C-alpha atoms as a PDB file:
ATOM      1  CA  GLN A   1      39.775 -15.687 -45.378  1.00  0.00           C
ATOM      2  CA  VAL A   2      39.133 -15.250 -41.572  1.00  0.00           C
ATOM      3  CA  GLN A   3      35.342 -16.377 -41.601  1.00  0.00           C
ATOM      4  CA  LEU A   4      33.223 -17.284 -37.914  1.00  0.00           C
ATOM      5  CA  VAL A   5      30.139 -18.503 -38.372  1.00  0.00           C
ATOM      6  CA  GLU A   6      27.096 -18.762 -35.918  1.00  0.00           C
ATOM      7  CA  SER A   7      25.202 -21.340 -35.906  1.00  0.00           C
ATOM      8  CA  GLY A   8      22.444 -21.969 -32.628  1.00  0.00           C
ATOM      9  CA  GLY A   9      20.102 -19.701 -32.870  1.00  0.00           C
ATOM     10  CA  GLY A  10      16.403 -20.137 -33.357  1.00  0.00           C
ATOM     11  CA  LEU A  11      12.320 -19.886 -31.784  1.00  0.00           C
ATOM     12  CA  VAL A  12      12.003 -20.446 -28.016  1.00  0.00           C
ATOM     13  CA  GLN A  13       9.300 -20.436 -25.225  1.00  0.00           C
ATOM     14  CA  ALA A  14      10.597 -18.286 -22.487  1.00  0.00           C
ATOM     15  CA  GLY A  15      12.182 -20.102 -20.358  1.00  0.00           C
ATOM     16  CA  GLY A  16      13.818 -22.148 -22.134  1.00  0.00           C
ATOM     17  CA  SER A  17      17.366 -22.918 -23.091  1.00  0.00           C
ATOM     18  CA  LEU A  18      19.442 -22.192 -26.626  1.00  0.00           C
ATOM     19  CA  ARG A  19      23.067 -22.781 -26.879  1.00  0.00           C
ATOM     20  CA  LEU A  20      25.303 -20.712 -30.500  1.00  0.00           C
ATOM     21  CA  SER A  21      28.075 -21.545 -31.241  1.00  0.00           C
ATOM     22  CA  CYS A  22      30.592 -19.477 -33.100  1.00  0.00           C
ATOM     23  CA  ALA A  23      32.996 -21.654 -35.279  1.00  0.00           C
ATOM     24  CA  ALA A  24      36.920 -19.883 -36.524  1.00  0.00           C
ATOM     25  CA  SER A  25      38.523 -20.372 -39.527  1.00  0.00           C
ATOM     26  CA  GLY A  26      41.137 -18.442 -41.270  1.00  0.00           C
ATOM     27  CA  LEU A  27      42.838 -17.720 -37.511  1.00  0.00           C
ATOM     28  CA  THR A  28      44.881 -19.194 -34.877  1.00  0.00           C
ATOM     29  CA  PHE A  29      41.633 -18.834 -32.616  1.00  0.00           C
ATOM     30  CA  SER A  30      43.655 -18.906 -29.445  1.00  0.00           C
ATOM     31  CA  ARG A  31      45.006 -16.265 -29.791  1.00  0.00           C
ATOM     32  CA  TYR A  32      42.035 -14.609 -29.908  1.00  0.00           C
ATOM     33  CA  ALA A  33      39.453 -13.233 -27.364  1.00  0.00           C
ATOM     34  CA  MET A  34      35.982 -13.828 -28.297  1.00  0.00           C
ATOM     35  CA  GLY A  35      32.925 -12.049 -27.723  1.00  0.00           C
ATOM     36  CA  TRP A  36      29.273 -11.783 -28.476  1.00  0.00           C
ATOM     37  CA  PHE A  37      27.213  -9.419 -29.306  1.00  0.00           C
ATOM     38  CA  ARG A  38      23.023  -8.482 -30.054  1.00  0.00           C
ATOM     39  CA  GLN A  39      21.164  -6.183 -31.550  1.00  0.00           C
ATOM     40  CA  ALA A  40      17.563  -5.752 -31.505  1.00  0.00           C
ATOM     41  CA  PRO A  41      15.991  -4.230 -34.196  1.00  0.00           C
ATOM     42  CA  GLY A  42      16.773   0.054 -33.890  1.00  0.00           C
ATOM     43  CA  GLU A  43      18.809  -0.775 -31.521  1.00  0.00           C
ATOM     44  CA  GLU A  44      22.829  -0.741 -31.357  1.00  0.00           C
ATOM     45  CA  ARG A  45      24.338  -3.221 -30.955  1.00  0.00           C
ATOM     46  CA  ARG A  46      25.353  -4.108 -26.773  1.00  0.00           C
ATOM     47  CA  LEU A  47      27.953  -6.427 -25.322  1.00  0.00           C
ATOM     48  CA  VAL A  48      26.698  -9.725 -24.001  1.00  0.00           C
ATOM     49  CA  ALA A  49      29.669 -11.526 -23.066  1.00  0.00           C
ATOM     50  CA  ALA A  50      33.598 -11.834 -23.799  1.00  0.00           C
ATOM     51  CA  ILE A  51      36.027 -13.527 -22.697  1.00  0.00           C
ATOM     52  CA  THR A  52      40.264 -14.193 -23.058  1.00  0.00           C
ATOM     53  CA  THR A  53      41.785 -16.245 -24.836  1.00  0.00           C
ATOM     54  CA  THR A  54      42.627 -19.041 -22.076  1.00  0.00           C
ATOM     55  CA  GLY A  55      39.108 -18.661 -21.105  1.00  0.00           C
ATOM     56  CA  THR A  56      40.036 -17.986 -17.778  1.00  0.00           C
ATOM     57  CA  THR A  57      38.818 -14.579 -17.327  1.00  0.00           C
ATOM     58  CA  THR A  58      34.604 -13.368 -18.668  1.00  0.00           C
ATOM     59  CA  ARG A  59      32.024 -10.519 -19.226  1.00  0.00           C
ATOM     60  CA  TYR A  60      28.525 -10.317 -18.802  1.00  0.00           C
ATOM     61  CA  ALA A  61      26.240  -7.696 -19.488  1.00  0.00           C
ATOM     62  CA  ASP A  62      24.080  -7.281 -16.374  1.00  0.00           C
ATOM     63  CA  SER A  63      20.990  -8.299 -18.145  1.00  0.00           C
ATOM     64  CA  VAL A  64      21.915 -11.777 -18.957  1.00  0.00           C
ATOM     65  CA  LYS A  65      25.099 -11.958 -15.323  1.00  0.00           C
ATOM     66  CA  GLY A  66      23.599 -15.051 -14.071  1.00  0.00           C
ATOM     67  CA  ARG A  67      21.949 -17.384 -17.297  1.00  0.00           C
ATOM     68  CA  PHE A  68      24.130 -16.779 -20.088  1.00  0.00           C
ATOM     69  CA  THR A  69      27.143 -18.641 -19.727  1.00  0.00           C
ATOM     70  CA  ILE A  70      29.855 -17.786 -22.464  1.00  0.00           C
ATOM     71  CA  SER A  71      32.977 -20.926 -23.060  1.00  0.00           C
ATOM     72  CA  ARG A  72      35.591 -21.813 -25.617  1.00  0.00           C
ATOM     73  CA  ASP A  73      37.480 -25.319 -26.769  1.00  0.00           C
ATOM     74  CA  ASN A  74      40.462 -23.542 -28.746  1.00  0.00           C
ATOM     75  CA  ALA A  75      41.113 -26.877 -30.547  1.00  0.00           C
ATOM     76  CA  LYS A  76      38.122 -27.011 -32.120  1.00  0.00           C
ATOM     77  CA  ASN A  77      38.163 -23.666 -32.966  1.00  0.00           C
ATOM     78  CA  THR A  78      34.768 -22.577 -31.362  1.00  0.00           C
ATOM     79  CA  GLY A  79      32.689 -20.410 -29.413  1.00  0.00           C
ATOM     80  CA  TYR A  80      29.621 -21.361 -27.165  1.00  0.00           C
ATOM     81  CA  LEU A  81      27.211 -19.457 -25.420  1.00  0.00           C
ATOM     82  CA  GLN A  82      24.601 -21.477 -23.429  1.00  0.00           C
ATOM     83  CA  MET A  83      21.777 -19.063 -23.059  1.00  0.00           C
ATOM     84  CA  ASN A  84      19.426 -20.438 -20.091  1.00  0.00           C
ATOM     85  CA  SER A  85      16.075 -19.118 -18.808  1.00  0.00           C
ATOM     86  CA  LEU A  86      15.666 -17.084 -21.744  1.00  0.00           C
ATOM     87  CA  LYS A  87      13.460 -13.575 -21.656  1.00  0.00           C
ATOM     88  CA  PRO A  88      11.359 -11.791 -24.708  1.00  0.00           C
ATOM     89  CA  ASP A  89      14.556  -9.581 -24.257  1.00  0.00           C
ATOM     90  CA  ASP A  90      16.722 -11.710 -25.063  1.00  0.00           C
ATOM     91  CA  THR A  91      15.540 -11.517 -28.770  1.00  0.00           C
ATOM     92  CA  ALA A  92      17.693 -10.341 -30.462  1.00  0.00           C
ATOM     93  CA  VAL A  93      20.564 -10.841 -33.280  1.00  0.00           C
ATOM     94  CA  TYR A  94      23.719 -12.564 -31.635  1.00  0.00           C
ATOM     95  CA  PHE A  95      27.051 -11.758 -33.462  1.00  0.00           C
ATOM     96  CA  CYS A  96      30.182 -13.684 -32.788  1.00  0.00           C
ATOM     97  CA  ALA A  97      33.681 -11.071 -32.887  1.00  0.00           C
ATOM     98  CA  ALA A  98      36.880 -12.234 -32.232  1.00  0.00           C
ATOM     99  CA  SER A  99      39.736  -9.684 -31.454  1.00  0.00           C
ATOM    100  CA  ASP A 100      43.382 -10.101 -31.201  1.00  0.00           C
ATOM    101  CA  SER A 101      44.171  -6.869 -29.340  1.00  0.00           C
ATOM    102  CA  ARG A 102      41.518  -6.191 -26.641  1.00  0.00           C
ATOM    103  CA  MET A 103      38.793  -8.302 -24.751  1.00  0.00           C
ATOM    104  CA  VAL A 104      35.914  -6.832 -26.166  1.00  0.00           C
ATOM    105  CA  PRO A 105      35.933  -6.692 -30.021  1.00  0.00           C
ATOM    106  CA  THR A 106      35.227  -3.380 -31.192  1.00  0.00           C
ATOM    107  CA  GLU A 107      34.096  -2.580 -34.906  1.00  0.00           C
ATOM    108  CA  ASN A 108      37.602  -2.795 -36.443  1.00  0.00           C
ATOM    109  CA  ASP A 109      38.153  -6.705 -35.104  1.00  0.00           C
ATOM    110  CA  TYR A 110      36.429  -9.702 -37.170  1.00  0.00           C
ATOM    111  CA  TRP A 111      33.081 -10.458 -36.616  1.00  0.00           C
ATOM    112  CA  GLY A 112      30.319 -13.109 -37.973  1.00  0.00           C
ATOM    113  CA  GLN A 113      27.199 -11.909 -39.828  1.00  0.00           C
ATOM    114  CA  GLY A 114      25.043 -13.154 -36.612  1.00  0.00           C
ATOM    115  CA  THR A 115      22.210 -15.398 -35.672  1.00  0.00           C
ATOM    116  CA  GLN A 116      18.898 -15.118 -34.877  1.00  0.00           C
ATOM    117  CA  VAL A 117      17.158 -15.382 -31.482  1.00  0.00           C
ATOM    118  CA  THR A 118      13.403 -15.263 -30.679  1.00  0.00           C
ATOM    119  CA  VAL A 119      11.840 -15.436 -27.611  1.00  0.00           C
ATOM    120  CA  SER A 120       8.101 -15.798 -27.231  1.00  0.00           C
ATOM    121  CA  SER A 121       6.358 -15.000 -24.119  1.00  0.00           C
END
């Protein structure tokens, strides 16, 4: 079965760092573009970052540009999101998604269950 499992979330103070991981199984991860999304309470899910199959091209939301870095290790079937200089507005549930047809995954693609990131003031 195809499965994406996020890990690495938690509670951190403003200005701190976290690294999220997305472990993929049941699919050939190297054939899929991967993205990170986040959803805060009462808000819609929004793109944080996306990366192509080889990792040569990346895309970031303006709100995280310069602070977050998306990467992947296809040999380990794992994607990553390094988050630095965290702000309270970064607080959300973070989701990993993978698509074999587009760079930025959609609802029709594979999704993980999410991991909570909470940034305190």
